[in-house]
Amino acid sequence: MAIHPEKPPITTSVAGISDSVHALYIHIAADDISSLRKVDVFRVIESVRSDNIDGVTRRSLANWIQAQREDLSLEVDLVLAELSS
């Protein structure tokens, strides 16, 4: 019986941040990405501090949300535009 190494976590950003790390930031508003509501997208993205120890940025979290939930893509773009102004 051969031992197979665990697969590395799937990454969705240039920085190599795993899905499980991004998912932690969703928990302030939802149990998981599938239950994230449109009205909570701003709160989730805005909550990311630039000095967090995970290396998550607002942009990486936004990209991850868009990759996981295409239905929230426009809302994510609007939130990023509002936060950058």
N, C-alpha and C. Protein backbone atom coordinates (compact mmCIF):
# COMPACT_ATOMS: atom_id res chain seq x y z
N MET A 1 0.85 -1.17 0.00
CA MET A 1 0.00 0.00 0.00
C MET A 1 0.89 1.24 0.00
N ALA A 2 0.72 2.08 -1.01
CA ALA A 2 1.52 3.29 -1.15
C ALA A 2 0.90 4.42 -0.33
N ILE A 3 1.76 5.23 0.22
CA ILE A 3 1.30 6.39 0.97
C ILE A 3 1.33 7.58 0.02
N HIS A 4 0.20 8.25 -0.10
CA HIS A 4 0.10 9.40 -0.99
C HIS A 4 0.17 10.67 -0.16
N PRO A 5 1.04 11.59 -0.55
CA PRO A 5 1.10 12.86 0.19
C PRO A 5 -0.19 13.64 0.00
N GLU A 6 -0.51 14.45 0.99
CA GLU A 6 -1.70 15.28 0.88
C GLU A 6 -1.53 16.27 -0.25
N LYS A 7 -2.63 16.58 -0.90
CA LYS A 7 -2.60 17.59 -1.95
C LYS A 7 -2.47 18.95 -1.29
N PRO A 8 -1.70 19.86 -1.90
CA PRO A 8 -1.61 21.20 -1.33
C PRO A 8 -2.95 21.91 -1.46
N PRO A 9 -3.24 22.86 -0.58
CA PRO A 9 -4.51 23.57 -0.68
C PRO A 9 -4.59 24.35 -1.98
N ILE A 10 -5.79 24.48 -2.49
CA ILE A 10 -6.00 25.26 -3.71
C ILE A 10 -5.76 26.72 -3.39
N THR A 11 -5.04 27.39 -4.26
CA THR A 11 -4.80 28.82 -4.06
C THR A 11 -5.52 29.62 -5.13
N THR A 12 -5.94 30.80 -4.77
CA THR A 12 -6.70 31.62 -5.70
C THR A 12 -6.12 33.01 -5.86
N SER A 13 -4.93 33.23 -5.38
CA SER A 13 -4.34 34.56 -5.53
C SER A 13 -2.87 34.46 -5.86
N VAL A 14 -2.35 35.53 -6.36
CA VAL A 14 -0.94 35.58 -6.72
C VAL A 14 -0.07 35.35 -5.49
N ALA A 15 -0.52 35.81 -4.36
CA ALA A 15 0.26 35.67 -3.13
C ALA A 15 0.28 34.24 -2.60
N GLY A 16 -0.50 33.35 -3.20
CA GLY A 16 -0.51 31.96 -2.76
C GLY A 16 -1.28 31.72 -1.48
N ILE A 17 -2.31 32.49 -1.26
CA ILE A 17 -3.12 32.34 -0.05
C ILE A 17 -4.20 31.29 -0.31
N SER A 18 -4.32 30.33 0.58
CA SER A 18 -5.24 29.22 0.36
C SER A 18 -6.70 29.62 0.56
N ASP A 19 -7.58 28.81 0.00
CA ASP A 19 -9.01 29.02 0.17
C ASP A 19 -9.40 29.06 1.64
N SER A 20 -8.81 28.19 2.43
CA SER A 20 -9.19 28.12 3.85
C SER A 20 -8.85 29.40 4.59
N VAL A 21 -7.78 30.07 4.21
CA VAL A 21 -7.42 31.34 4.85
C VAL A 21 -8.41 32.42 4.43
N HIS A 22 -8.70 32.50 3.14
CA HIS A 22 -9.69 33.49 2.69
C HIS A 22 -11.04 33.24 3.36
N ALA A 23 -11.40 31.98 3.51
CA ALA A 23 -12.69 31.64 4.11
C ALA A 23 -12.81 32.15 5.55
N LEU A 24 -11.71 32.26 6.25
CA LEU A 24 -11.74 32.78 7.62
C LEU A 24 -12.34 34.18 7.67
N TYR A 25 -12.07 34.97 6.64
CA TYR A 25 -12.55 36.35 6.61
C TYR A 25 -14.04 36.45 6.31
N ILE A 26 -14.60 35.40 5.75
CA ILE A 26 -16.03 35.36 5.46
C ILE A 26 -16.82 35.14 6.75
N HIS A 27 -16.21 34.51 7.72
CA HIS A 27 -16.92 34.12 8.95
C HIS A 27 -17.44 35.29 9.77
N ILE A 28 -17.00 36.50 9.51
CA ILE A 28 -17.58 37.64 10.26
C ILE A 28 -19.01 37.91 9.83
N ALA A 29 -19.40 37.37 8.65
CA ALA A 29 -20.74 37.65 8.14
C ALA A 29 -21.54 36.40 7.76
N ALA A 30 -20.85 35.28 7.56
CA ALA A 30 -21.55 34.09 7.08
C ALA A 30 -20.81 32.84 7.54
N ASP A 31 -21.52 31.72 7.56
CA ASP A 31 -20.90 30.46 7.94
C ASP A 31 -19.89 29.99 6.90
N ASP A 32 -20.17 30.29 5.63
CA ASP A 32 -19.26 29.93 4.55
C ASP A 32 -19.57 30.80 3.33
N ILE A 33 -18.76 30.66 2.29
CA ILE A 33 -18.90 31.51 1.11
C ILE A 33 -20.25 31.31 0.43
N SER A 34 -20.80 30.13 0.50
CA SER A 34 -22.09 29.88 -0.17
C SER A 34 -23.25 30.63 0.49
N SER A 35 -23.10 30.98 1.75
CA SER A 35 -24.18 31.69 2.44
C SER A 35 -23.90 33.19 2.61
N LEU A 36 -22.82 33.68 2.01
CA LEU A 36 -22.52 35.11 2.07
C LEU A 36 -23.58 35.89 1.30
N ARG A 37 -24.16 36.89 1.96
CA ARG A 37 -25.19 37.70 1.33
C ARG A 37 -24.58 38.94 0.69
N LYS A 38 -25.25 39.42 -0.34
CA LYS A 38 -24.80 40.62 -1.05
C LYS A 38 -24.61 41.79 -0.09
N VAL A 39 -25.52 41.94 0.85
CA VAL A 39 -25.46 43.07 1.79
C VAL A 39 -24.25 42.98 2.73
N ASP A 40 -23.62 41.83 2.83
CA ASP A 40 -22.48 41.66 3.72
C ASP A 40 -21.12 41.78 3.02
N VAL A 41 -21.13 41.90 1.70
CA VAL A 41 -19.87 41.95 0.95
C VAL A 41 -19.01 43.14 1.40
N PHE A 42 -19.62 44.32 1.56
CA PHE A 42 -18.86 45.49 1.99
C PHE A 42 -18.20 45.24 3.34
N ARG A 43 -18.97 44.75 4.28
CA ARG A 43 -18.44 44.53 5.64
C ARG A 43 -17.28 43.55 5.64
N VAL A 44 -17.38 42.50 4.84
CA VAL A 44 -16.33 41.48 4.79
C VAL A 44 -15.05 42.06 4.18
N ILE A 45 -15.17 42.73 3.05
CA ILE A 45 -13.98 43.26 2.38
C ILE A 45 -13.38 44.41 3.19
N GLU A 46 -14.22 45.27 3.72
CA GLU A 46 -13.75 46.42 4.49
C GLU A 46 -13.03 46.00 5.77
N SER A 47 -13.36 44.83 6.29
CA SER A 47 -12.77 44.37 7.55
C SER A 47 -11.31 43.94 7.43
N VAL A 48 -10.82 43.75 6.22
CA VAL A 48 -9.44 43.28 6.04
C VAL A 48 -8.47 44.41 6.36
N ARG A 49 -7.67 44.19 7.37
CA ARG A 49 -6.66 45.17 7.77
C ARG A 49 -5.39 44.95 6.96
N SER A 50 -4.72 46.01 6.61
CA SER A 50 -3.51 45.90 5.79
C SER A 50 -2.37 45.21 6.53
N ASP A 51 -2.42 45.18 7.86
CA ASP A 51 -1.33 44.58 8.63
C ASP A 51 -1.69 43.20 9.19
N ASN A 52 -2.65 42.50 8.57
CA ASN A 52 -3.02 41.18 9.09
C ASN A 52 -1.90 40.18 8.87
N ILE A 53 -1.81 39.20 9.73
CA ILE A 53 -0.70 38.24 9.68
C ILE A 53 -0.86 37.18 8.60
N ASP A 54 -2.05 37.10 7.99
CA ASP A 54 -2.30 36.08 6.98
C ASP A 54 -1.83 36.49 5.59
N GLY A 55 -1.56 37.77 5.39
CA GLY A 55 -1.16 38.26 4.08
C GLY A 55 -2.33 38.51 3.15
N VAL A 56 -3.55 38.40 3.67
CA VAL A 56 -4.75 38.64 2.86
C VAL A 56 -4.89 40.15 2.63
N THR A 57 -5.21 40.51 1.41
CA THR A 57 -5.48 41.91 1.08
C THR A 57 -6.95 42.03 0.68
N ARG A 58 -7.43 43.25 0.65
CA ARG A 58 -8.80 43.44 0.19
C ARG A 58 -8.96 42.92 -1.23
N ARG A 59 -7.95 43.17 -2.07
CA ARG A 59 -8.01 42.72 -3.46
C ARG A 59 -8.00 41.20 -3.54
N SER A 60 -7.15 40.53 -2.76
CA SER A 60 -7.11 39.07 -2.84
C SER A 60 -8.42 38.46 -2.36
N LEU A 61 -8.99 39.03 -1.30
CA LEU A 61 -10.27 38.53 -0.81
C LEU A 61 -11.38 38.80 -1.83
N ALA A 62 -11.36 39.97 -2.43
CA ALA A 62 -12.35 40.31 -3.46
C ALA A 62 -12.25 39.34 -4.63
N ASN A 63 -11.04 39.08 -5.09
CA ASN A 63 -10.85 38.13 -6.19
C ASN A 63 -11.34 36.74 -5.82
N TRP A 64 -11.08 36.34 -4.59
CA TRP A 64 -11.52 35.02 -4.13
C TRP A 64 -13.04 34.93 -4.08
N ILE A 65 -13.68 35.98 -3.56
CA ILE A 65 -15.15 35.99 -3.52
C ILE A 65 -15.71 35.90 -4.94
N GLN A 66 -15.14 36.66 -5.86
CA GLN A 66 -15.62 36.63 -7.24
C GLN A 66 -15.41 35.26 -7.88
N ALA A 67 -14.32 34.61 -7.57
CA ALA A 67 -14.06 33.27 -8.12
C ALA A 67 -15.03 32.23 -7.56
N GLN A 68 -15.40 32.40 -6.30
CA GLN A 68 -16.29 31.44 -5.65
C GLN A 68 -17.77 31.72 -5.91
N ARG A 69 -18.09 33.00 -6.07
CA ARG A 69 -19.50 33.42 -6.20
C ARG A 69 -19.64 34.45 -7.32
N GLU A 70 -19.79 33.98 -8.53
CA GLU A 70 -19.93 34.87 -9.68
C GLU A 70 -21.12 35.81 -9.54
N ASP A 71 -22.15 35.39 -8.83
CA ASP A 71 -23.33 36.23 -8.64
C ASP A 71 -23.04 37.48 -7.81
N LEU A 72 -21.93 37.50 -7.07
CA LEU A 72 -21.56 38.66 -6.26
C LEU A 72 -20.49 39.52 -6.93
N SER A 73 -20.12 39.20 -8.14
CA SER A 73 -19.02 39.87 -8.81
C SER A 73 -19.22 41.38 -8.94
N LEU A 74 -20.39 41.80 -9.38
CA LEU A 74 -20.66 43.23 -9.53
C LEU A 74 -20.62 43.93 -8.18
N GLU A 75 -21.20 43.34 -7.16
CA GLU A 75 -21.18 43.93 -5.83
C GLU A 75 -19.75 44.09 -5.32
N VAL A 76 -18.91 43.10 -5.56
CA VAL A 76 -17.51 43.18 -5.15
C VAL A 76 -16.82 44.35 -5.85
N ASP A 77 -17.06 44.50 -7.15
CA ASP A 77 -16.47 45.62 -7.90
C ASP A 77 -16.93 46.96 -7.34
N LEU A 78 -18.21 47.07 -7.02
CA LEU A 78 -18.74 48.31 -6.46
C LEU A 78 -18.13 48.61 -5.09
N VAL A 79 -17.96 47.60 -4.29
CA VAL A 79 -17.36 47.77 -2.96
C VAL A 79 -15.91 48.25 -3.09
N LEU A 80 -15.15 47.62 -3.97
CA LEU A 80 -13.75 48.03 -4.16
C LEU A 80 -13.67 49.46 -4.65
N ALA A 81 -14.55 49.85 -5.55
CA ALA A 81 -14.56 51.23 -6.05
C ALA A 81 -14.86 52.20 -4.92
N GLU A 82 -15.83 51.86 -4.09
CA GLU A 82 -16.19 52.73 -2.97
C GLU A 82 -15.05 52.83 -1.96
N LEU A 83 -14.39 51.74 -1.67
CA LEU A 83 -13.30 51.76 -0.69
C LEU A 83 -12.06 52.47 -1.21
N SER A 84 -11.90 52.53 -2.51
CA SER A 84 -10.71 53.19 -3.06
C SER A 84 -10.90 54.69 -3.25
N SER A 85 -12.14 55.16 -3.09
CA SER A 85 -12.38 56.60 -3.28
C SER A 85 -12.26 57.39 -2.00
